[in-house]
Amino acid sequence: MITNADITVFNRVLSSDRREVYIPTYIQGVAWYDSHASSDSGTAKSESSDYVVRVPESATVTGGKTYVPADDYRTLSSSEREGHWTIQLATLVAKGTVVLPEGSTTMDESSIRKSGHEVFSVSTYADNTVRGTAAVRHWRMGGA
């Protein structure tokens, strides 16, 4: 698999005060694909962007975090989450490394989207690590 980007995966969790916050995981060496389209019907103009990211099993995950399925991630305590990452619907993915505010370990959605990075929300994903050779095993995320 040809890799061309680094990403920040933001997993959504509820904070102790019941607000949605996002925990970042930095991943180096992923395959990032995006397509942008626009159309003009004469009365209306529209634009769309579609993203597909493939994370090879061999990608470098900062902090040595390991992948766990979304259902398992939900059951982890906040201290256990520090060593893991997952893919779930509404996970935010940013191209590049998003720097957190000093002293912070999480971000809110608004701050992530205003970070200056390309960001998409995961609407489809697959775990393709159960078959094939080590060279082709990966997790796939897609969204708009």
Protein backbone atom coordinates (compact mmCIF):
# COMPACT_ATOMS: atom_id res chain seq x y z
CA MET A 1 0.00 0.00 0.00
CA ILE A 2 1.35 3.42 -0.93
CA THR A 3 1.16 5.86 1.95
CA ASN A 4 1.02 9.62 1.46
CA ALA A 5 -0.13 11.31 4.66
CA ASP A 6 -0.24 11.48 8.42
CA ILE A 7 -3.56 11.93 10.21
CA THR A 8 -5.10 12.75 13.55
CA VAL A 9 -8.02 10.52 14.51
CA PHE A 10 -10.36 12.07 17.08
CA ASN A 11 -12.49 9.62 19.07
CA ARG A 12 -15.66 11.09 20.58
CA VAL A 13 -16.33 10.48 24.29
CA LEU A 14 -18.38 12.11 27.02
CA SER A 15 -16.38 14.14 29.50
CA SER A 16 -17.04 14.07 33.23
CA ASP A 17 -19.37 17.08 32.81
CA ARG A 18 -21.33 15.20 30.06
CA ARG A 19 -19.97 17.27 27.14
CA GLU A 20 -18.78 15.61 23.95
CA VAL A 21 -15.01 15.88 23.61
CA TYR A 22 -12.58 14.30 21.20
CA ILE A 23 -9.43 12.37 22.12
CA PRO A 24 -6.66 12.59 19.49
CA THR A 25 -4.52 9.78 18.13
CA TYR A 26 -1.70 10.64 15.73
CA ILE A 27 -1.04 8.10 12.98
CA GLN A 28 1.86 8.29 10.53
CA GLY A 29 1.94 6.54 7.16
CA VAL A 30 -1.64 6.27 5.89
CA ALA A 31 -3.16 6.32 2.40
CA TRP A 32 -5.28 9.50 2.08
CA TYR A 33 -7.57 9.98 -0.91
CA ASP A 34 -9.94 12.87 -1.43
CA SER A 35 -12.09 13.93 -4.36
CA HIS A 36 -13.77 17.27 -4.78
CA ALA A 37 -16.62 17.96 -7.19
CA SER A 38 -18.80 20.88 -8.07
CA SER A 39 -21.83 21.30 -10.25
CA ASP A 40 -23.88 24.15 -11.62
CA SER A 41 -27.47 23.47 -12.62
CA GLY A 42 -28.05 27.02 -13.76
CA THR A 43 -30.07 27.88 -10.68
CA ALA A 44 -27.90 26.40 -7.97
CA LYS A 45 -24.27 25.57 -7.43
CA SER A 46 -23.12 22.73 -5.23
CA GLU A 47 -19.81 21.36 -4.05
CA SER A 48 -18.95 18.06 -2.44
CA SER A 49 -15.89 16.37 -1.03
CA ASP A 50 -15.43 12.68 -0.39
CA TYR A 51 -12.61 11.12 1.62
CA VAL A 52 -11.22 7.62 1.98
CA VAL A 53 -8.36 6.84 4.36
CA ARG A 54 -6.67 3.48 4.71
CA VAL A 55 -4.60 2.89 7.83
CA PRO A 56 -2.21 -0.04 7.33
CA GLU A 57 -1.57 -2.31 10.28
CA SER A 58 2.07 -1.26 9.95
CA ALA A 59 1.31 2.47 10.42
CA THR A 60 3.06 4.22 13.29
CA VAL A 61 0.62 5.19 16.03
CA THR A 62 1.98 7.78 18.46
CA GLY A 63 2.21 6.58 22.04
CA GLY A 64 2.03 2.95 20.94
CA LYS A 65 -1.78 3.00 21.09
CA THR A 66 -3.47 -0.16 19.85
CA TYR A 67 -6.69 -0.43 17.87
CA VAL A 68 -9.79 -1.86 19.56
CA PRO A 69 -13.26 -2.29 18.04
CA ALA A 70 -15.74 0.52 18.77
CA ASP A 71 -17.90 -1.61 21.09
CA ASP A 72 -14.86 -2.47 23.22
CA TYR A 73 -13.65 1.15 23.24
CA ARG A 74 -16.97 2.31 24.73
CA THR A 75 -16.46 0.04 27.74
CA LEU A 76 -12.95 1.30 28.56
CA SER A 77 -12.32 3.63 31.47
CA SER A 78 -10.73 6.99 30.71
CA SER A 79 -7.33 5.76 31.87
CA GLU A 80 -7.61 2.63 29.69
CA ARG A 81 -8.53 4.77 26.65
CA GLU A 82 -5.10 6.42 26.82
CA GLY A 83 -3.57 3.27 25.32
CA HIS A 84 -6.14 2.63 22.58
CA TRP A 85 -7.90 4.14 19.59
CA THR A 86 -10.89 3.09 17.51
CA ILE A 87 -13.00 3.91 14.49
CA GLN A 88 -16.67 4.65 15.05
CA LEU A 89 -19.36 6.63 13.27
CA ALA A 90 -18.79 10.37 13.80
CA THR A 91 -15.07 9.90 14.46
CA LEU A 92 -13.35 13.02 13.13
CA VAL A 93 -10.27 12.58 10.96
CA ALA A 94 -7.90 15.45 10.18
CA LYS A 95 -5.13 15.39 7.60
CA GLY A 96 -1.85 16.13 9.36
CA THR A 97 -1.05 16.59 13.03
CA VAL A 98 -3.53 18.79 14.87
CA VAL A 99 -1.80 20.50 17.79
CA LEU A 100 -3.89 20.60 20.97
CA PRO A 101 -4.07 23.72 23.11
CA GLU A 102 -1.32 23.76 25.73
CA GLY A 103 -2.21 21.68 28.77
CA SER A 104 -5.19 20.02 27.06
CA THR A 105 -5.71 16.34 26.24
CA THR A 106 -8.98 16.76 24.32
CA MET A 107 -10.64 19.16 21.85
CA ASP A 108 -14.21 20.04 20.97
CA GLU A 109 -15.58 19.61 17.44
CA SER A 110 -15.63 23.32 16.69
CA SER A 111 -11.93 23.71 17.53
CA ILE A 112 -11.01 20.69 15.41
CA ARG A 113 -12.89 22.03 12.39
CA LYS A 114 -11.29 25.47 12.84
CA SER A 115 -7.77 23.99 13.11
CA GLY A 116 -6.92 24.76 9.48
CA HIS A 117 -6.68 21.07 8.52
CA GLU A 118 -8.88 19.12 6.13
CA VAL A 119 -11.37 17.36 8.42
CA PHE A 120 -14.11 14.83 7.73
CA SER A 121 -16.57 12.88 9.83
CA VAL A 122 -16.51 9.10 9.42
CA SER A 123 -19.73 7.77 7.91
CA THR A 124 -18.44 4.37 6.82
CA TYR A 125 -15.60 2.14 8.02
CA ALA A 126 -14.31 -1.40 7.74
CA ASP A 127 -11.79 -3.57 9.53
CA ASN A 128 -9.83 -5.25 6.73
CA THR A 129 -7.20 -6.75 9.02
CA VAL A 130 -8.59 -10.27 9.21
CA ARG A 131 -7.62 -11.47 5.72
CA GLY A 132 -4.76 -11.08 3.31
CA THR A 133 -1.06 -10.67 3.78
CA ALA A 134 0.50 -8.21 6.20
CA ALA A 135 1.17 -5.87 3.26
CA VAL A 136 -2.55 -5.35 2.54
CA ARG A 137 -4.19 -5.48 5.99
CA HIS A 138 -5.71 -2.14 6.95
CA TRP A 139 -8.61 -0.20 8.47
CA ARG A 140 -10.67 1.89 6.02
CA MET A 141 -12.55 5.07 6.90
CA GLY A 142 -14.73 7.10 4.58
CA GLY A 143 -16.81 10.23 4.84
CA ALA A 144 -17.61 13.65 3.50
